[in-house]
């Protein structure tokens, strides 16, 4: 038994019939081909699946696609239009990419942080990213990238 769902993903209206148990991450990856949203742990622990739903960070591995009915979804693919988003560019410049598996979730989380706190301190960044795991242990470079990304997005580092 499937049910219709409609939402806007990266600025594009999408509609599909989905099984009620379909997770948002499965829908994004398998039906829409947006594979930048990764599946890491399936338990909402690692943050690799993080997307924005109606402007807020959500771990899409624990959200049913039906719960996103009518929502605005933003994935890493929709973050930039042509050029890299300032946060993506900062991750590249400051070597916050490591192997790249955690990067989309880290970037999406960092963008949400800067929206809420335009001038995060190192402590703020580390605290905010606590729900995102980097298996390569690149946290030092990730924090530096988020600091630079916040500046590039218009914030000023508070120290």
N, C-alpha and C. Protein backbone atom coordinates (compact mmCIF):
# COMPACT_ATOMS: atom_id res chain seq x y z
N UNK A 1 0.83 -1.17 0.00
CA UNK A 1 0.00 0.00 0.00
C UNK A 1 0.88 1.24 0.00
N UNK A 2 0.68 2.14 -0.94
CA UNK A 2 1.47 3.36 -0.99
C UNK A 2 0.55 4.57 -0.83
N UNK A 3 1.16 5.68 -0.46
CA UNK A 3 0.42 6.92 -0.24
C UNK A 3 1.13 8.05 -0.98
N UNK A 4 0.38 9.01 -1.47
CA UNK A 4 1.01 10.14 -2.17
C UNK A 4 1.66 11.12 -1.18
N UNK A 5 2.81 11.65 -1.58
CA UNK A 5 3.46 12.72 -0.83
C UNK A 5 3.89 13.80 -1.80
N UNK A 6 3.84 15.02 -1.35
CA UNK A 6 4.30 16.17 -2.14
C UNK A 6 5.12 17.07 -1.24
N UNK A 7 6.18 17.59 -1.79
CA UNK A 7 7.05 18.51 -1.05
C UNK A 7 7.89 19.28 -2.06
N UNK A 8 8.62 20.22 -1.58
CA UNK A 8 9.57 20.96 -2.42
C UNK A 8 10.96 20.55 -1.99
N UNK A 9 11.75 20.05 -2.93
CA UNK A 9 13.11 19.61 -2.63
C UNK A 9 14.06 20.46 -3.48
N UNK A 10 14.92 21.18 -2.80
CA UNK A 10 15.89 22.06 -3.46
C UNK A 10 15.21 23.00 -4.46
N UNK A 11 14.05 23.51 -4.06
CA UNK A 11 13.33 24.48 -4.89
C UNK A 11 12.43 23.88 -5.95
N UNK A 12 12.39 22.55 -6.03
CA UNK A 12 11.60 21.88 -7.06
C UNK A 12 10.47 21.09 -6.42
N UNK A 13 9.25 21.30 -6.89
CA UNK A 13 8.10 20.53 -6.39
C UNK A 13 8.24 19.09 -6.84
N UNK A 14 8.03 18.15 -5.91
CA UNK A 14 8.08 16.73 -6.24
C UNK A 14 6.88 16.05 -5.60
N UNK A 15 6.36 15.06 -6.31
CA UNK A 15 5.23 14.26 -5.83
C UNK A 15 5.52 12.82 -6.18
N UNK A 16 5.18 11.92 -5.26
CA UNK A 16 5.39 10.49 -5.51
C UNK A 16 4.46 9.69 -4.63
N UNK A 17 4.28 8.44 -5.00
CA UNK A 17 3.59 7.47 -4.16
C UNK A 17 4.67 6.66 -3.45
N UNK A 18 4.60 6.62 -2.13
CA UNK A 18 5.63 5.93 -1.35
C UNK A 18 4.99 4.99 -0.35
N UNK A 19 5.74 3.98 0.03
CA UNK A 19 5.32 3.09 1.10
C UNK A 19 5.35 3.89 2.41
N UNK A 20 4.42 3.67 3.30
CA UNK A 20 4.37 4.44 4.55
C UNK A 20 5.64 4.36 5.40
N UNK A 21 6.40 3.26 5.28
CA UNK A 21 7.63 3.10 6.09
C UNK A 21 8.86 3.73 5.45
N UNK A 22 8.71 4.36 4.30
CA UNK A 22 9.86 4.94 3.61
C UNK A 22 10.43 6.11 4.40
N UNK A 23 11.72 6.05 4.64
CA UNK A 23 12.42 7.13 5.33
C UNK A 23 12.74 8.25 4.35
N UNK A 24 12.84 9.46 4.86
CA UNK A 24 13.16 10.60 4.01
C UNK A 24 14.49 10.39 3.30
N UNK A 25 15.49 9.86 3.98
CA UNK A 25 16.79 9.63 3.36
C UNK A 25 16.68 8.65 2.19
N UNK A 26 15.85 7.63 2.33
CA UNK A 26 15.66 6.66 1.23
C UNK A 26 15.00 7.34 0.04
N UNK A 27 14.00 8.13 0.30
CA UNK A 27 13.30 8.85 -0.76
C UNK A 27 14.26 9.77 -1.51
N UNK A 28 15.03 10.55 -0.76
CA UNK A 28 15.97 11.48 -1.38
C UNK A 28 17.00 10.75 -2.24
N UNK A 29 17.58 9.69 -1.70
CA UNK A 29 18.63 8.97 -2.41
C UNK A 29 18.09 8.08 -3.52
N UNK A 30 17.09 7.25 -3.18
CA UNK A 30 16.65 6.21 -4.11
C UNK A 30 15.66 6.70 -5.17
N UNK A 31 14.78 7.60 -4.79
CA UNK A 31 13.79 8.05 -5.75
C UNK A 31 14.16 9.35 -6.44
N UNK A 32 14.85 10.24 -5.73
CA UNK A 32 15.22 11.52 -6.34
C UNK A 32 16.67 11.56 -6.82
N UNK A 33 17.47 10.54 -6.46
CA UNK A 33 18.86 10.49 -6.91
C UNK A 33 19.76 11.51 -6.26
N UNK A 34 19.38 12.02 -5.09
CA UNK A 34 20.18 13.01 -4.37
C UNK A 34 21.08 12.27 -3.37
N UNK A 35 22.17 11.74 -3.89
CA UNK A 35 23.02 10.85 -3.11
C UNK A 35 24.04 11.56 -2.23
N UNK A 36 24.00 12.88 -2.18
CA UNK A 36 24.88 13.60 -1.27
C UNK A 36 24.46 13.41 0.18
N UNK A 37 23.20 13.10 0.39
CA UNK A 37 22.70 12.79 1.72
C UNK A 37 23.05 11.33 1.99
N UNK A 38 23.93 11.10 2.94
CA UNK A 38 24.46 9.75 3.17
C UNK A 38 23.73 9.01 4.28
N UNK A 39 23.80 7.69 4.21
CA UNK A 39 23.30 6.83 5.27
C UNK A 39 24.53 6.27 5.99
N UNK A 40 24.67 6.63 7.25
CA UNK A 40 25.84 6.17 7.98
C UNK A 40 25.51 5.16 9.06
N UNK A 41 24.56 5.48 9.91
CA UNK A 41 24.32 4.64 11.08
C UNK A 41 22.89 4.12 11.18
N UNK A 42 21.98 4.75 10.49
CA UNK A 42 20.54 4.39 10.56
C UNK A 42 19.93 4.57 11.94
N UNK A 43 20.61 5.27 12.83
CA UNK A 43 20.07 5.45 14.19
C UNK A 43 20.12 6.90 14.65
N UNK A 44 20.34 7.83 13.75
CA UNK A 44 20.36 9.26 14.06
C UNK A 44 21.56 9.66 14.93
N UNK A 45 22.63 8.89 14.89
CA UNK A 45 23.79 9.18 15.73
C UNK A 45 24.91 9.93 15.00
N UNK A 46 25.05 9.70 13.68
CA UNK A 46 26.26 10.19 13.01
C UNK A 46 26.09 11.50 12.25
N UNK A 47 24.88 11.84 11.84
CA UNK A 47 24.65 13.10 11.15
C UNK A 47 24.94 13.11 9.67
N UNK A 48 25.34 11.99 9.09
CA UNK A 48 25.65 11.96 7.65
C UNK A 48 24.42 12.21 6.79
N UNK A 49 23.24 12.01 7.36
CA UNK A 49 21.98 12.13 6.61
C UNK A 49 21.30 13.48 6.82
N UNK A 50 21.99 14.43 7.44
CA UNK A 50 21.36 15.68 7.82
C UNK A 50 20.95 16.52 6.62
N UNK A 51 19.70 16.97 6.64
CA UNK A 51 19.14 17.88 5.64
C UNK A 51 18.38 18.97 6.39
N UNK A 52 17.93 19.98 5.68
CA UNK A 52 17.09 21.01 6.29
C UNK A 52 15.65 20.76 5.87
N UNK A 53 14.76 20.71 6.84
CA UNK A 53 13.33 20.58 6.60
C UNK A 53 12.69 21.85 7.16
N UNK A 54 12.08 22.61 6.27
CA UNK A 54 11.50 23.90 6.65
C UNK A 54 12.50 24.74 7.43
N UNK A 55 13.76 24.72 6.97
CA UNK A 55 14.80 25.57 7.53
C UNK A 55 15.49 25.06 8.77
N UNK A 56 15.15 23.88 9.23
CA UNK A 56 15.78 23.33 10.44
C UNK A 56 16.52 22.04 10.13
N UNK A 57 17.62 21.81 10.83
CA UNK A 57 18.40 20.59 10.66
C UNK A 57 17.59 19.38 11.12
N UNK A 58 17.56 18.35 10.26
CA UNK A 58 16.85 17.11 10.57
C UNK A 58 17.70 15.94 10.09
N UNK A 59 17.79 14.92 10.92
CA UNK A 59 18.47 13.69 10.51
C UNK A 59 17.46 12.84 9.76
N UNK A 60 17.63 12.76 8.46
CA UNK A 60 16.62 12.17 7.58
C UNK A 60 16.54 10.65 7.67
N UNK A 61 17.44 10.02 8.41
CA UNK A 61 17.37 8.56 8.56
C UNK A 61 16.33 8.13 9.58
N UNK A 62 15.80 9.09 10.34
CA UNK A 62 14.79 8.75 11.33
C UNK A 62 13.49 9.52 11.10
N UNK A 63 13.34 10.10 9.93
CA UNK A 63 12.11 10.82 9.59
C UNK A 63 11.44 10.12 8.42
N UNK A 64 10.17 9.81 8.58
CA UNK A 64 9.42 9.22 7.48
C UNK A 64 9.16 10.29 6.42
N UNK A 65 9.21 9.88 5.16
CA UNK A 65 8.96 10.84 4.09
C UNK A 65 7.56 11.44 4.22
N UNK A 66 6.60 10.67 4.72
CA UNK A 66 5.24 11.19 4.90
C UNK A 66 5.22 12.35 5.89
N UNK A 67 6.17 12.39 6.84
CA UNK A 67 6.24 13.49 7.79
C UNK A 67 6.71 14.78 7.13
N UNK A 68 7.27 14.67 5.93
CA UNK A 68 7.75 15.83 5.20
C UNK A 68 6.71 16.36 4.21
N UNK A 69 5.51 15.83 4.28
CA UNK A 69 4.42 16.28 3.40
C UNK A 69 4.30 17.80 3.46
N UNK A 70 4.37 18.43 2.29
CA UNK A 70 4.22 19.88 2.18
C UNK A 70 5.43 20.69 2.61
N UNK A 71 6.50 20.04 3.03
CA UNK A 71 7.67 20.73 3.57
C UNK A 71 8.60 21.22 2.47
N UNK A 72 9.47 22.14 2.85
CA UNK A 72 10.58 22.60 2.02
C UNK A 72 11.82 21.84 2.50
N UNK A 73 12.40 21.06 1.61
CA UNK A 73 13.58 20.26 1.95
C UNK A 73 14.78 20.85 1.21
N UNK A 74 15.88 21.00 1.91
CA UNK A 74 17.13 21.45 1.30
C UNK A 74 18.20 20.40 1.59
N UNK A 75 18.81 19.89 0.52
CA UNK A 75 19.91 18.93 0.66
C UNK A 75 21.20 19.61 0.26
N UNK A 76 22.31 18.93 0.43
CA UNK A 76 23.61 19.48 0.06
C UNK A 76 23.64 19.88 -1.41
N UNK A 77 22.92 19.14 -2.26
CA UNK A 77 22.90 19.46 -3.69
C UNK A 77 22.21 20.79 -3.97
N UNK A 78 21.28 21.17 -3.12
CA UNK A 78 20.54 22.41 -3.33
C UNK A 78 21.14 23.61 -2.61
N UNK A 79 22.22 23.39 -1.88
CA UNK A 79 22.82 24.46 -1.09
C UNK A 79 23.44 25.54 -1.98
N UNK A 80 23.98 25.15 -3.10
CA UNK A 80 24.62 26.12 -3.98
C UNK A 80 23.93 26.13 -5.34
N UNK A 81 24.12 27.22 -6.03
CA UNK A 81 23.60 27.30 -7.40
C UNK A 81 24.76 27.74 -8.28
N UNK A 82 25.45 26.78 -8.84
CA UNK A 82 26.60 27.08 -9.69
C UNK A 82 27.91 27.08 -8.92
N UNK A 83 28.14 28.12 -8.13
CA UNK A 83 29.36 28.20 -7.32
C UNK A 83 29.13 27.51 -5.99
N UNK A 84 30.20 27.14 -5.33
CA UNK A 84 30.09 26.55 -4.01
C UNK A 84 29.49 27.56 -3.03
N UNK A 85 28.67 27.07 -2.13
CA UNK A 85 28.16 27.88 -1.03
C UNK A 85 29.39 28.28 -0.20
N UNK A 86 29.37 29.44 0.47
CA UNK A 86 30.54 29.85 1.28
C UNK A 86 30.99 28.80 2.28
N UNK A 87 30.07 28.05 2.86
CA UNK A 87 30.47 27.03 3.82
C UNK A 87 31.16 25.86 3.10
N UNK A 88 30.66 25.48 1.94
CA UNK A 88 31.31 24.42 1.16
C UNK A 88 32.72 24.86 0.76
N UNK A 89 32.85 26.11 0.32
CA UNK A 89 34.16 26.63 -0.08
C UNK A 89 35.13 26.64 1.10
N UNK A 90 34.63 26.99 2.28
CA UNK A 90 35.47 27.01 3.48
C UNK A 90 35.94 25.60 3.84
N UNK A 91 35.06 24.61 3.71
CA UNK A 91 35.46 23.23 3.97
C UNK A 91 36.57 22.81 3.01
N UNK A 92 36.44 23.20 1.76
CA UNK A 92 37.46 22.85 0.77
C UNK A 92 38.78 23.56 1.09
N UNK A 93 38.71 24.85 1.36
CA UNK A 93 39.91 25.65 1.61
C UNK A 93 40.64 25.24 2.89
N UNK A 94 39.91 24.85 3.91
CA UNK A 94 40.51 24.54 5.20
C UNK A 94 40.67 23.04 5.46
N UNK A 95 40.57 22.25 4.42
CA UNK A 95 40.79 20.80 4.48
C UNK A 95 39.86 20.11 5.48
N UNK A 96 38.60 20.56 5.51
CA UNK A 96 37.62 19.96 6.39
C UNK A 96 36.90 18.80 5.73
N UNK A 97 37.33 18.43 4.53
CA UNK A 97 36.63 17.40 3.77
C UNK A 97 36.99 15.98 4.19
N UNK A 98 38.22 15.75 4.59
CA UNK A 98 38.71 14.42 4.93
C UNK A 98 38.30 13.42 3.84
N UNK A 99 37.64 12.32 4.20
CA UNK A 99 37.24 11.34 3.18
C UNK A 99 35.98 11.80 2.44
N UNK A 100 35.23 12.73 3.03
CA UNK A 100 34.05 13.28 2.39
C UNK A 100 32.74 12.66 2.80
N UNK A 101 32.76 11.54 3.50
CA UNK A 101 31.51 10.87 3.83
C UNK A 101 30.65 11.70 4.77
N UNK A 102 31.24 12.28 5.79
CA UNK A 102 30.47 13.07 6.76
C UNK A 102 30.24 14.49 6.29
N UNK A 103 30.97 14.93 5.28
CA UNK A 103 30.99 16.34 4.89
C UNK A 103 29.63 16.93 4.59
N UNK A 104 28.77 16.28 3.80
CA UNK A 104 27.48 16.92 3.52
C UNK A 104 26.68 17.21 4.80
N UNK A 105 26.65 16.27 5.72
CA UNK A 105 25.93 16.49 6.97
C UNK A 105 26.58 17.57 7.82
N UNK A 106 27.91 17.59 7.86
CA UNK A 106 28.63 18.62 8.60
C UNK A 106 28.33 20.00 8.02
N UNK A 107 28.40 20.12 6.70
CA UNK A 107 28.15 21.40 6.04
C UNK A 107 26.72 21.87 6.30
N UNK A 108 25.76 20.97 6.15
CA UNK A 108 24.36 21.35 6.37
C UNK A 108 24.13 21.76 7.82
N UNK A 109 24.75 21.06 8.74
CA UNK A 109 24.63 21.42 10.15
C UNK A 109 25.28 22.77 10.42
N UNK A 110 26.45 23.01 9.84
CA UNK A 110 27.16 24.27 10.04
C UNK A 110 26.38 25.45 9.47
N UNK A 111 25.75 25.27 8.35
CA UNK A 111 24.93 26.34 7.76
C UNK A 111 23.79 26.69 8.70
N UNK A 112 23.16 25.68 9.28
CA UNK A 112 22.07 25.93 10.24
C UNK A 112 22.61 26.65 11.47
N UNK A 113 23.76 26.24 11.97
CA UNK A 113 24.37 26.92 13.11
C UNK A 113 24.55 28.40 12.82
N UNK A 114 25.13 28.72 11.68
CA UNK A 114 25.44 30.11 11.35
C UNK A 114 24.16 30.93 11.14
N UNK A 115 23.11 30.28 10.65
CA UNK A 115 21.82 30.98 10.55
C UNK A 115 21.34 31.40 11.94
N UNK A 116 21.54 30.53 12.91
CA UNK A 116 21.08 30.79 14.26
C UNK A 116 22.07 31.60 15.09
N UNK A 117 23.35 31.48 14.77
CA UNK A 117 24.41 32.15 15.53
C UNK A 117 25.48 32.60 14.51
N UNK A 118 25.33 33.80 13.95
CA UNK A 118 26.23 34.24 12.88
C UNK A 118 27.71 34.35 13.27
N UNK A 119 28.00 34.41 14.55
CA UNK A 119 29.39 34.54 14.99
C UNK A 119 29.72 33.48 16.04
N UNK A 120 29.70 32.21 15.66
CA UNK A 120 29.94 31.17 16.67
C UNK A 120 31.40 31.12 17.11
N UNK A 121 31.59 30.85 18.39
CA UNK A 121 32.94 30.63 18.91
C UNK A 121 33.35 29.19 18.60
N UNK A 122 34.59 28.86 18.85
CA UNK A 122 35.04 27.47 18.67
C UNK A 122 34.21 26.54 19.55
N UNK A 123 33.94 26.95 20.78
CA UNK A 123 33.13 26.14 21.68
C UNK A 123 31.73 25.94 21.11
N UNK A 124 31.12 27.01 20.58
CA UNK A 124 29.79 26.91 19.98
C UNK A 124 29.79 25.89 18.84
N UNK A 125 30.81 25.96 17.99
CA UNK A 125 30.90 25.06 16.84
C UNK A 125 31.04 23.62 17.29
N UNK A 126 31.96 23.38 18.21
CA UNK A 126 32.17 22.01 18.69
C UNK A 126 30.90 21.47 19.36
N UNK A 127 30.23 22.31 20.12
CA UNK A 127 29.00 21.89 20.78
C UNK A 127 27.91 21.58 19.75
N UNK A 128 27.76 22.43 18.75
CA UNK A 128 26.72 22.25 17.73
C UNK A 128 26.96 20.98 16.91
N UNK A 129 28.20 20.73 16.58
CA UNK A 129 28.53 19.58 15.72
C UNK A 129 28.65 18.27 16.49
N UNK A 130 28.31 18.28 17.75
CA UNK A 130 28.43 17.08 18.57
C UNK A 130 27.65 15.90 17.99
N UNK A 131 26.56 16.15 17.31
CA UNK A 131 25.74 15.09 16.72
C UNK A 131 26.19 14.66 15.34
N UNK A 132 27.34 15.14 14.89
CA UNK A 132 27.91 14.75 13.60
C UNK A 132 29.25 14.06 13.86
N UNK A 133 29.41 12.87 13.32
CA UNK A 133 30.63 12.11 13.55
C UNK A 133 31.51 12.11 12.30
N UNK A 134 32.78 12.43 12.50
CA UNK A 134 33.79 12.32 11.45
C UNK A 134 34.68 11.13 11.81
N UNK A 135 34.60 10.08 11.03
CA UNK A 135 35.39 8.89 11.32
C UNK A 135 36.89 9.09 11.05
N UNK A 136 37.21 10.11 10.28
CA UNK A 136 38.62 10.41 9.99
C UNK A 136 39.23 11.30 11.07
N UNK A 137 38.45 11.71 12.02
CA UNK A 137 38.85 12.58 13.12
C UNK A 137 39.44 13.90 12.63
N UNK A 138 38.80 14.48 11.67
CA UNK A 138 39.26 15.76 11.12
C UNK A 138 38.64 16.96 11.79
N UNK A 139 38.30 16.84 13.06
CA UNK A 139 37.55 17.89 13.74
C UNK A 139 38.26 19.23 13.78
N UNK A 140 39.57 19.25 13.95
CA UNK A 140 40.29 20.52 14.00
C UNK A 140 40.06 21.31 12.72
N UNK A 141 40.25 20.65 11.58
CA UNK A 141 40.05 21.33 10.30
C UNK A 141 38.57 21.66 10.05
N UNK A 142 37.68 20.82 10.52
CA UNK A 142 36.25 21.08 10.37
C UNK A 142 35.87 22.33 11.15
N UNK A 143 36.35 22.46 12.37
CA UNK A 143 36.05 23.64 13.18
C UNK A 143 36.60 24.89 12.49
N UNK A 144 37.83 24.82 11.99
CA UNK A 144 38.42 25.96 11.28
C UNK A 144 37.59 26.31 10.03
N UNK A 145 37.10 25.29 9.34
CA UNK A 145 36.28 25.51 8.16
C UNK A 145 34.96 26.20 8.53
N UNK A 146 34.35 25.77 9.61
CA UNK A 146 33.08 26.39 10.03
C UNK A 146 33.32 27.84 10.46
N UNK A 147 34.42 28.09 11.15
CA UNK A 147 34.75 29.48 11.52
C UNK A 147 34.88 30.35 10.28
N UNK A 148 35.62 29.86 9.29
CA UNK A 148 35.80 30.61 8.03
C UNK A 148 34.50 30.72 7.26
N UNK A 149 33.72 29.65 7.25
CA UNK A 149 32.43 29.69 6.56
C UNK A 149 31.48 30.69 7.19
N UNK A 150 31.50 30.79 8.52
CA UNK A 150 30.65 31.76 9.21
C UNK A 150 31.04 33.18 8.81
N UNK A 151 32.33 33.45 8.76
CA UNK A 151 32.80 34.77 8.32
C UNK A 151 32.36 35.05 6.89
N UNK A 152 32.51 34.06 6.02
CA UNK A 152 32.15 34.24 4.61
C UNK A 152 30.64 34.43 4.42
N UNK A 153 29.86 33.87 5.35
CA UNK A 153 28.42 34.02 5.28
C UNK A 153 27.95 35.34 5.91
N UNK A 154 28.91 36.15 6.38
CA UNK A 154 28.54 37.44 6.90
C UNK A 154 28.68 37.60 8.39
N UNK A 155 29.03 36.53 9.08
CA UNK A 155 29.23 36.62 10.53
C UNK A 155 30.66 37.03 10.81
N UNK A 156 30.93 37.37 12.04
CA UNK A 156 32.31 37.66 12.43
C UNK A 156 32.63 36.80 13.62
N UNK A 157 33.79 36.20 13.58
CA UNK A 157 34.19 35.27 14.64
C UNK A 157 34.33 35.99 15.96
N UNK A 158 33.69 35.45 16.98
CA UNK A 158 33.71 36.07 18.29
C UNK A 158 34.89 35.61 19.15
N UNK A 159 35.69 34.66 18.64
CA UNK A 159 36.88 34.24 19.38
C UNK A 159 36.61 33.06 20.17
